[in-house]
Amino acid sequence: MSYKILVAIDKSEIGQHVFDEAVSLAKALSADLRLLHVLNPFEQPYVYPIALPPTLLYPMLPTENAANYPESWQALEREGMEFLTSLRNQALASGVTCDMTQHLGDPSRMICDFARSWNADLIIMGRRGCSKLSEFFLGSVSNYVTHHAPCSILIVQGHVPTEVPQQAQTTSA
């Protein structure tokens, strides 16, 4: 039986670190990797929800922007696939069996649904470290996945400051 690792990845700061950790673990376990990139139409740079025409949501939007929407979306899809292809090629060059897929939707649910349908043994993903306020309004993908995933999860922490702020040094003395 082959061990299956789903790597939920995006183009954020931590993405490359998540990928590097996944490749290292896949080598150690002789596991298969599947890279998953989810295009979320409700986040930047995805301006409009794909399911609705932009002129319906924003009637005051200049029509030239609405006319360029399909081309802009196709460019984002193409960039996502190029990103995944580059990472897949790096994994293959490292001797790791790797495949990739890109989906449209809510990342939280897509990660869990895909892990379930692919029978993943492990999900590796990053954590952006949003503030409590932004997490309240935007939600936390890693939090959702932690509570709904059908398998184990490895969350790779984002950058943690190693330096003690100057103010903290003076008040503790």
Protein backbone atom coordinates (compact mmCIF):
# COMPACT_ATOMS: atom_id res chain seq x y z
CA MET A 1 0.00 0.00 0.00
CA SER A 2 1.28 3.42 -0.94
CA TYR A 3 1.05 6.32 1.49
CA LYS A 4 -0.87 9.28 -0.01
CA ILE A 5 -0.08 12.87 0.97
CA LEU A 6 -2.32 15.71 -0.17
CA VAL A 7 -0.49 19.04 -0.27
CA ALA A 8 -2.90 21.98 -0.15
CA ILE A 9 -0.84 24.81 -1.55
CA ASP A 10 -1.19 28.37 -2.75
CA LYS A 11 1.14 31.12 -3.88
CA SER A 12 1.40 32.70 -0.43
CA GLU A 13 4.70 33.34 1.37
CA ILE A 14 4.57 29.99 3.11
CA GLY A 15 3.72 27.97 -0.02
CA GLN A 16 7.29 27.03 -0.91
CA HIS A 17 8.01 26.03 2.69
CA VAL A 18 4.91 23.80 2.74
CA PHE A 19 6.03 22.20 -0.51
CA ASP A 20 9.58 21.60 0.74
CA GLU A 21 8.27 19.94 3.91
CA ALA A 22 5.92 17.75 1.86
CA VAL A 23 8.69 16.59 -0.49
CA SER A 24 10.98 15.77 2.45
CA LEU A 25 8.26 13.74 4.15
CA ALA A 26 7.27 12.00 0.91
CA LYS A 27 10.89 10.94 0.37
CA ALA A 28 11.14 9.58 3.91
CA LEU A 29 7.87 7.62 3.59
CA SER A 30 8.15 6.71 -0.11
CA ALA A 31 4.76 8.38 -0.43
CA ASP A 32 2.82 9.73 -3.39
CA LEU A 33 2.13 13.47 -3.41
CA ARG A 34 -0.90 15.20 -4.86
CA LEU A 35 -0.65 18.98 -5.10
CA LEU A 36 -3.99 20.76 -4.73
CA HIS A 37 -4.44 24.41 -5.63
CA VAL A 38 -7.88 25.93 -5.06
CA LEU A 39 -8.98 29.04 -6.88
CA ASN A 40 -11.27 30.94 -4.53
CA PRO A 41 -13.36 33.45 -6.47
CA PHE A 42 -14.15 35.40 -3.30
CA GLU A 43 -10.55 36.36 -2.50
CA GLN A 44 -8.01 38.60 -4.14
CA PRO A 45 -6.98 38.59 -6.97
CA TYR A 46 -10.23 36.92 -8.03
CA VAL A 47 -12.41 39.97 -8.40
CA TYR A 48 -15.82 38.46 -9.08
CA PRO A 49 -17.55 35.24 -8.09
CA ILE A 50 -17.29 33.04 -11.18
CA ALA A 51 -20.88 31.81 -10.94
CA LEU A 52 -22.38 35.25 -11.50
CA PRO A 53 -21.76 37.70 -14.33
CA PRO A 54 -19.79 40.72 -13.06
CA THR A 55 -22.34 43.19 -14.40
CA LEU A 56 -25.03 41.59 -12.21
CA LEU A 57 -22.96 42.07 -9.07
CA TYR A 58 -21.58 45.46 -9.99
CA PRO A 59 -24.03 47.21 -12.32
CA MET A 60 -21.94 50.39 -12.26
CA LEU A 61 -18.85 48.50 -13.47
CA PRO A 62 -17.55 49.82 -16.78
CA THR A 63 -18.47 47.35 -19.53
CA GLU A 64 -14.85 47.07 -20.75
CA ASN A 65 -13.91 45.58 -17.35
CA ALA A 66 -16.81 43.13 -17.57
CA ALA A 67 -15.79 42.18 -21.12
CA ASN A 68 -12.24 41.41 -19.94
CA TYR A 69 -13.42 39.22 -17.08
CA PRO A 70 -13.37 35.83 -18.88
CA GLU A 71 -9.85 36.49 -20.18
CA SER A 72 -8.67 37.56 -16.72
CA TRP A 73 -10.11 34.43 -15.16
CA GLN A 74 -8.49 32.22 -17.80
CA ALA A 75 -5.16 33.91 -17.11
CA LEU A 76 -5.52 33.17 -13.37
CA GLU A 77 -6.34 29.53 -14.12
CA ARG A 78 -3.34 29.29 -16.44
CA GLU A 79 -1.03 30.88 -13.83
CA GLY A 80 -2.28 28.39 -11.23
CA MET A 81 -1.55 25.43 -13.51
CA GLU A 82 1.91 26.80 -14.35
CA PHE A 83 2.59 27.17 -10.61
CA LEU A 84 1.52 23.57 -9.97
CA THR A 85 3.49 22.25 -12.95
CA SER A 86 6.64 23.93 -11.69
CA LEU A 87 6.24 22.38 -8.24
CA ARG A 88 5.38 18.97 -9.67
CA ASN A 89 8.53 19.06 -11.81
CA GLN A 90 10.60 19.90 -8.71
CA ALA A 91 9.09 16.94 -6.83
CA LEU A 92 9.66 14.56 -9.74
CA ALA A 93 13.28 15.75 -10.03
CA SER A 94 13.68 14.88 -6.33
CA GLY A 95 12.47 11.34 -7.01
CA VAL A 96 9.00 11.78 -5.50
CA THR A 97 5.90 10.53 -7.31
CA CYS A 98 3.72 13.59 -7.73
CA ASP A 99 0.51 14.61 -9.43
CA MET A 100 -1.43 17.86 -9.35
CA THR A 101 -4.94 19.24 -9.57
CA GLN A 102 -6.61 22.63 -9.46
CA HIS A 103 -10.21 23.26 -8.44
CA LEU A 104 -12.56 26.21 -8.06
CA GLY A 105 -14.39 26.82 -4.80
CA ASP A 106 -14.05 27.33 -1.08
CA PRO A 107 -10.54 26.10 -0.14
CA SER A 108 -11.63 24.75 3.25
CA ARG A 109 -14.28 22.47 1.85
CA MET A 110 -12.38 21.58 -1.32
CA ILE A 111 -9.37 20.36 0.66
CA CYS A 112 -11.51 18.11 2.86
CA ASP A 113 -13.65 16.85 -0.03
CA PHE A 114 -10.63 16.09 -2.19
CA ALA A 115 -8.80 14.35 0.68
CA ARG A 116 -11.89 12.19 1.19
CA SER A 117 -12.35 11.29 -2.49
CA TRP A 118 -8.62 10.59 -3.03
CA ASN A 119 -8.35 8.61 0.24
CA ALA A 120 -5.46 10.73 1.46
CA ASP A 121 -3.55 9.50 4.49
CA LEU A 122 -2.24 12.96 5.35
CA ILE A 123 -2.93 16.58 4.44
CA ILE A 124 -0.04 19.03 4.56
CA MET A 125 -0.96 22.69 4.47
CA GLY A 126 0.26 26.07 5.65
CA ARG A 127 -1.11 28.47 8.17
CA ARG A 128 -1.08 32.15 7.34
CA GLY A 129 -1.40 33.27 10.93
CA CYS A 130 -4.23 35.75 10.45
CA SER A 131 -5.08 38.03 13.32
CA LYS A 132 -8.07 37.06 15.44
CA LEU A 133 -10.15 39.81 13.83
CA SER A 134 -9.42 38.81 10.23
CA GLU A 135 -9.87 35.14 11.13
CA PHE A 136 -13.28 36.02 12.58
CA PHE A 137 -14.39 37.74 9.37
CA LEU A 138 -12.56 35.63 6.79
CA GLY A 139 -12.47 32.28 8.55
CA SER A 140 -9.46 30.07 8.83
CA VAL A 141 -8.83 27.40 6.24
CA SER A 142 -6.46 25.49 8.52
CA ASN A 143 -8.98 25.63 11.38
CA TYR A 144 -11.79 24.30 9.20
CA VAL A 145 -9.62 21.50 7.80
CA THR A 146 -8.44 20.56 11.30
CA HIS A 147 -12.03 19.99 12.37
CA HIS A 148 -13.43 18.38 9.20
CA ALA A 149 -10.62 16.43 7.50
CA PRO A 150 -11.01 12.68 7.05
CA CYS A 151 -7.32 12.04 7.82
CA SER A 152 -4.34 13.36 9.75
CA ILE A 153 -3.11 16.90 9.13
CA LEU A 154 0.30 18.52 9.27
CA ILE A 155 0.09 22.29 9.47
CA VAL A 156 3.29 24.11 8.56
CA GLN A 157 3.61 27.30 10.58
CA GLY A 158 4.35 30.56 8.82
CA HIS A 159 7.22 32.82 9.77
CA VAL A 160 7.54 33.20 13.52
CA PRO A 161 9.59 36.23 14.62
CA THR A 162 12.76 35.13 16.41
CA GLU A 163 13.72 38.57 17.59
CA VAL A 164 12.24 40.00 20.79
CA PRO A 165 10.78 43.45 20.11
CA GLN A 166 12.82 46.32 21.59
CA GLN A 167 9.96 47.43 23.83
CA ALA A 168 9.65 43.94 25.37
CA GLN A 169 13.40 43.94 26.17
CA THR A 170 13.24 47.23 28.08
CA THR A 171 10.12 46.40 30.09
CA SER A 172 11.38 43.00 31.22
CA ALA A 173 14.66 44.37 32.61
